[in-house]
N, C-alpha and C. Protein backbone atom coordinates (compact mmCIF):
# COMPACT_ATOMS: atom_id res chain seq x y z
N MET A 1 -4.75 -11.79 -5.85
CA MET A 1 -5.48 -10.24 -6.51
C MET A 1 -4.82 -10.02 -7.91
N THR A 2 -5.37 -9.47 -9.03
CA THR A 2 -4.67 -9.15 -10.02
C THR A 2 -4.35 -7.62 -10.20
N VAL A 3 -3.51 -6.93 -10.66
CA VAL A 3 -3.19 -6.07 -10.63
C VAL A 3 -3.71 -5.28 -11.32
N GLN A 4 -4.52 -4.16 -11.00
CA GLN A 4 -5.41 -3.67 -11.88
C GLN A 4 -4.84 -2.45 -12.61
N SER A 5 -4.79 -1.74 -13.80
CA SER A 5 -4.50 -0.53 -13.74
C SER A 5 -5.38 0.53 -14.24
N LEU A 6 -5.44 0.51 -12.64
CA LEU A 6 -6.82 2.00 -11.92
C LEU A 6 -5.73 3.26 -11.82
N GLU A 7 -6.24 4.15 -11.95
CA GLU A 7 -5.83 5.52 -11.91
C GLU A 7 -5.93 5.58 -10.18
N ILE A 8 -4.69 5.91 -9.75
CA ILE A 8 -4.79 6.75 -8.62
C ILE A 8 -4.39 8.14 -8.41
N ASP A 9 -5.06 9.10 -7.59
CA ASP A 9 -5.03 10.57 -7.54
C ASP A 9 -3.45 10.52 -7.12
N SER A 10 -2.16 11.66 -7.38
CA SER A 10 -0.98 11.84 -7.07
C SER A 10 -0.95 11.79 -5.65
N ASP A 11 -1.85 13.12 -5.02
CA ASP A 11 -2.35 13.15 -3.94
C ASP A 11 -2.48 12.08 -2.76
N LEU A 12 -3.28 10.77 -3.40
CA LEU A 12 -3.05 9.56 -2.32
C LEU A 12 -2.25 8.95 -2.93
N ARG A 13 -1.51 8.81 -3.88
CA ARG A 13 -0.36 8.37 -4.05
C ARG A 13 0.47 8.73 -3.45
N LEU A 14 1.23 9.80 -2.89
CA LEU A 14 2.14 10.35 -2.48
C LEU A 14 1.69 9.94 -0.71
N ARG A 15 0.54 10.01 -0.29
CA ARG A 15 0.22 9.79 0.77
C ARG A 15 0.66 7.94 1.57
N VAL A 16 -0.01 7.35 0.16
CA VAL A 16 0.42 5.92 0.64
C VAL A 16 2.07 5.96 0.68
N VAL A 17 2.95 6.42 -0.17
CA VAL A 17 4.02 5.89 -0.01
C VAL A 17 4.60 6.50 0.83
N ASP A 18 3.97 7.42 1.95
CA ASP A 18 4.27 8.27 3.13
C ASP A 18 4.69 6.74 3.78
N ILE A 19 2.70 6.53 4.02
CA ILE A 19 3.35 5.90 5.04
C ILE A 19 3.80 4.23 5.20
N VAL A 20 4.06 4.00 3.88
CA VAL A 20 5.04 3.02 3.37
C VAL A 20 6.16 3.08 4.15
N ASN A 21 6.66 4.37 3.80
CA ASN A 21 8.43 4.39 3.99
C ASN A 21 8.57 4.73 5.23
N GLU A 22 7.38 5.24 5.72
CA GLU A 22 7.64 5.40 7.41
C GLU A 22 7.51 4.10 7.93
N GLU A 23 6.38 3.32 7.65
CA GLU A 23 6.57 1.97 8.87
C GLU A 23 7.66 1.29 8.58
N LEU A 24 7.97 0.97 7.35
CA LEU A 24 9.33 -0.01 6.16
C LEU A 24 10.50 0.79 7.28
N GLU A 25 10.83 2.26 7.42
CA GLU A 25 11.84 2.97 7.80
C GLU A 25 12.62 3.20 6.52
N LEU A 26 12.05 3.74 5.60
CA LEU A 26 13.05 3.81 4.27
C LEU A 26 13.01 5.12 3.68
N GLU A 27 14.29 5.45 3.05
CA GLU A 27 14.45 6.82 3.00
C GLU A 27 13.31 6.75 1.55
N ASP A 28 13.23 8.61 1.35
CA ASP A 28 13.05 8.72 0.21
C ASP A 28 13.79 7.98 -1.15
N GLY A 29 12.98 7.68 -2.18
CA GLY A 29 13.83 6.91 -2.79
C GLY A 29 14.05 5.45 -2.91
N GLU A 30 14.35 5.35 -1.98
CA GLU A 30 14.58 3.72 -1.57
C GLU A 30 13.29 2.74 -2.06
N LEU A 31 12.30 3.28 -1.88
CA LEU A 31 10.85 2.02 -1.81
C LEU A 31 10.90 2.64 -3.81
N THR A 32 10.43 1.16 -4.26
CA THR A 32 10.08 0.95 -5.72
C THR A 32 8.85 0.56 -6.02
N GLU A 33 7.81 0.12 -7.20
CA GLU A 33 6.56 -0.38 -7.15
C GLU A 33 6.70 -1.77 -7.14
N ASP A 34 8.07 -2.16 -7.31
CA ASP A 34 7.95 -3.45 -7.46
C ASP A 34 9.10 -4.53 -6.53
N GLY A 35 9.65 -4.21 -5.21
CA GLY A 35 10.12 -4.54 -4.46
C GLY A 35 9.18 -4.92 -3.04
N HIS A 36 9.50 -6.06 -2.85
CA HIS A 36 8.63 -7.09 -2.25
C HIS A 36 9.20 -6.73 -0.59
N PHE A 37 7.66 -6.41 -0.46
CA PHE A 37 8.14 -5.55 0.95
C PHE A 37 8.75 -6.57 2.54
N ILE A 38 8.55 -7.87 2.20
CA ILE A 38 9.35 -8.48 3.11
C ILE A 38 10.44 -9.31 2.78
N GLU A 39 10.91 -9.56 1.26
CA GLU A 39 11.78 -10.05 0.84
C GLU A 39 13.04 -8.86 0.22
N ASP A 40 12.87 -7.83 0.50
CA ASP A 40 13.38 -6.88 -0.40
C ASP A 40 13.70 -5.48 0.56
N TYR A 41 13.06 -5.49 2.00
CA TYR A 41 12.64 -4.48 2.48
C TYR A 41 13.12 -4.91 3.98
N ASP A 42 12.90 -5.63 4.04
CA ASP A 42 13.23 -7.10 5.57
C ASP A 42 11.95 -6.24 6.47
N SER A 43 10.62 -6.50 6.09
CA SER A 43 9.49 -5.91 6.66
C SER A 43 8.77 -7.18 7.09
N ASP A 44 8.10 -7.23 7.79
CA ASP A 44 7.22 -8.06 8.92
C ASP A 44 6.03 -8.63 8.34
N SER A 45 5.04 -9.24 8.80
CA SER A 45 3.75 -8.86 8.17
C SER A 45 3.01 -8.42 9.20
N LEU A 46 3.84 -8.10 10.62
CA LEU A 46 2.84 -7.26 11.35
C LEU A 46 3.41 -5.70 11.24
N THR A 47 4.25 -5.26 10.62
CA THR A 47 4.63 -3.93 9.82
C THR A 47 3.63 -3.74 8.51
N LEU A 48 3.18 -4.73 7.82
CA LEU A 48 2.07 -5.06 6.49
C LEU A 48 0.64 -4.69 7.29
N ILE A 49 0.77 -5.53 8.56
CA ILE A 49 -0.84 -4.68 9.25
C ILE A 49 -0.45 -3.78 9.60
N THR A 50 0.30 -2.97 10.13
CA THR A 50 0.10 -1.63 10.36
C THR A 50 0.05 -0.54 9.44
N VAL A 51 0.82 -0.66 8.17
CA VAL A 51 0.15 -0.25 7.16
C VAL A 51 -1.25 -0.33 6.46
N VAL A 52 -1.22 -1.06 6.59
CA VAL A 52 -2.95 -1.58 5.87
C VAL A 52 -3.45 -0.44 7.38
N SER A 53 -3.55 -0.59 8.36
CA SER A 53 -4.31 -0.19 9.43
C SER A 53 -3.93 1.35 9.11
N ARG A 54 -3.04 1.83 9.21
CA ARG A 54 -2.73 3.38 9.16
C ARG A 54 -3.44 4.03 7.88
N ILE A 55 -3.49 2.93 6.61
CA ILE A 55 -4.31 3.41 5.45
C ILE A 55 -5.64 3.88 5.69
N GLU A 56 -6.06 2.47 6.29
CA GLU A 56 -7.39 2.49 6.64
C GLU A 56 -8.17 3.80 7.64
N LYS A 57 -7.29 4.21 8.68
CA LYS A 57 -7.46 5.23 9.76
C LYS A 57 -7.32 6.40 8.89
N GLU A 58 -5.91 6.86 8.38
CA GLU A 58 -5.51 8.48 8.08
C GLU A 58 -6.30 8.36 6.73
N LEU A 59 -6.82 7.16 5.73
CA LEU A 59 -6.89 7.52 4.40
C LEU A 59 -8.62 7.47 4.42
N GLY A 60 -8.95 6.56 4.82
CA GLY A 60 -10.62 6.02 4.88
C GLY A 60 -10.37 4.96 3.80
N HIS A 61 -9.57 4.32 3.12
CA HIS A 61 -9.94 3.16 2.20
C HIS A 61 -9.65 1.83 3.08
N VAL A 62 -10.75 1.12 3.93
CA VAL A 62 -10.82 -0.35 4.21
C VAL A 62 -10.54 -1.00 2.66
N LEU A 63 -9.28 -2.09 3.12
CA LEU A 63 -9.00 -2.83 2.01
C LEU A 63 -9.41 -4.02 2.17
N PRO A 64 -10.01 -4.98 1.33
CA PRO A 64 -10.53 -6.39 1.52
C PRO A 64 -9.86 -7.34 2.96
N LYS A 65 -10.42 -8.07 3.72
CA LYS A 65 -9.54 -8.63 4.45
C LYS A 65 -8.92 -9.90 3.53
N GLU A 66 -9.74 -10.38 2.75
CA GLU A 66 -9.20 -11.42 1.51
C GLU A 66 -7.72 -10.62 1.24
N GLU A 67 -7.61 -9.86 0.92
CA GLU A 67 -6.61 -9.38 -0.17
C GLU A 67 -5.39 -8.71 0.54
N LEU A 68 -5.29 -9.09 2.03
CA LEU A 68 -4.54 -7.93 3.17
C LEU A 68 -3.07 -9.52 2.55
N GLU A 69 -3.05 -10.93 2.40
CA GLU A 69 -2.10 -11.32 2.29
C GLU A 69 -1.04 -11.21 1.07
N SER A 70 -1.94 -10.52 -0.06
CA SER A 70 -1.59 -10.40 -1.18
C SER A 70 -0.62 -9.06 -1.71
N LEU A 71 -0.96 -8.28 -0.48
CA LEU A 71 -0.77 -6.59 -0.76
C LEU A 71 1.41 -7.19 -0.23
N THR A 72 1.94 -7.34 -1.70
CA THR A 72 3.18 -7.35 -1.31
C THR A 72 4.54 -6.21 -1.68
N THR A 73 3.59 -5.58 -2.75
CA THR A 73 4.49 -4.83 -3.47
C THR A 73 3.60 -3.74 -3.40
N LEU A 74 4.66 -2.26 -3.40
CA LEU A 74 3.86 -0.93 -3.53
C LEU A 74 2.70 -0.94 -4.48
N ARG A 75 3.24 -1.41 -5.90
CA ARG A 75 2.19 -1.35 -7.00
C ARG A 75 0.88 -2.18 -6.68
N VAL A 76 1.06 -3.06 -6.02
CA VAL A 76 -0.05 -4.28 -5.47
C VAL A 76 -1.04 -3.42 -4.33
N LEU A 77 -0.37 -2.85 -3.75
CA LEU A 77 -1.14 -1.89 -2.46
C LEU A 77 -1.52 -0.83 -3.16
N LEU A 78 -0.81 -0.06 -3.71
CA LEU A 78 -1.82 1.05 -5.16
C LEU A 78 -2.90 0.66 -5.38
N ALA A 79 -2.83 -0.50 -6.41
CA ALA A 79 -3.98 -0.89 -7.06
C ALA A 79 -5.06 -1.06 -5.96
N ALA A 80 -4.52 -1.96 -5.00
CA ALA A 80 -5.79 -2.12 -4.16
C ALA A 80 -6.50 -0.76 -3.48
N VAL A 81 -5.92 0.01 -3.04
CA VAL A 81 -5.76 1.50 -2.64
C VAL A 81 -7.14 1.84 -3.49
N ALA A 82 -6.50 1.98 -4.82
CA ALA A 82 -7.18 2.73 -6.25
C ALA A 82 -8.31 2.20 -6.43
N GLY A 83 -8.41 0.90 -6.32
CA GLY A 83 -9.79 0.19 -6.42
C GLY A 83 -10.81 0.50 -5.22
N CYS A 84 -10.49 0.24 -3.81
CA CYS A 84 -11.24 1.42 -2.96
C CYS A 84 -11.69 2.66 -3.07
N ALA A 85 -10.45 3.84 -3.64
CA ALA A 85 -10.98 4.63 -3.71
C ALA A 85 -12.26 5.18 -5.09
N ALA A 86 -11.95 3.87 -6.12
CA ALA A 86 -12.91 4.07 -7.28
C ALA A 86 -14.54 3.43 -6.74
N ARG A 87 -14.51 2.58 -5.73
CA ARG A 87 -15.53 2.04 -5.43
C ARG A 87 -16.34 2.74 -4.21
N ASN A 88 -15.82 3.76 -3.42
CA ASN A 88 -16.09 4.42 -2.82
C ASN A 88 -16.68 6.37 -3.78
N ALA A 89 -16.08 6.24 -4.98
CA ALA A 89 -16.54 7.62 -5.35
C ALA A 89 -17.27 7.56 -5.75
């Protein structure tokens, strides 16, 4: 997946960041846009599936299954959510 420069609503962005922080058990300020979920934050694929599931359930944005493996950083995840939001608008 190519990271697109789509605008994401600030409230939606905060909600995604909150979900990632909770699931990766990070403190506010630890998460960066380019930090790799698995390599930098000692996460695993099951945790990332939980992140995506919560985004789908709580925020109503269903991420394409073929993109799941590419969701490795917050920047990529936010671009995917922004793409879903744009398609659903």
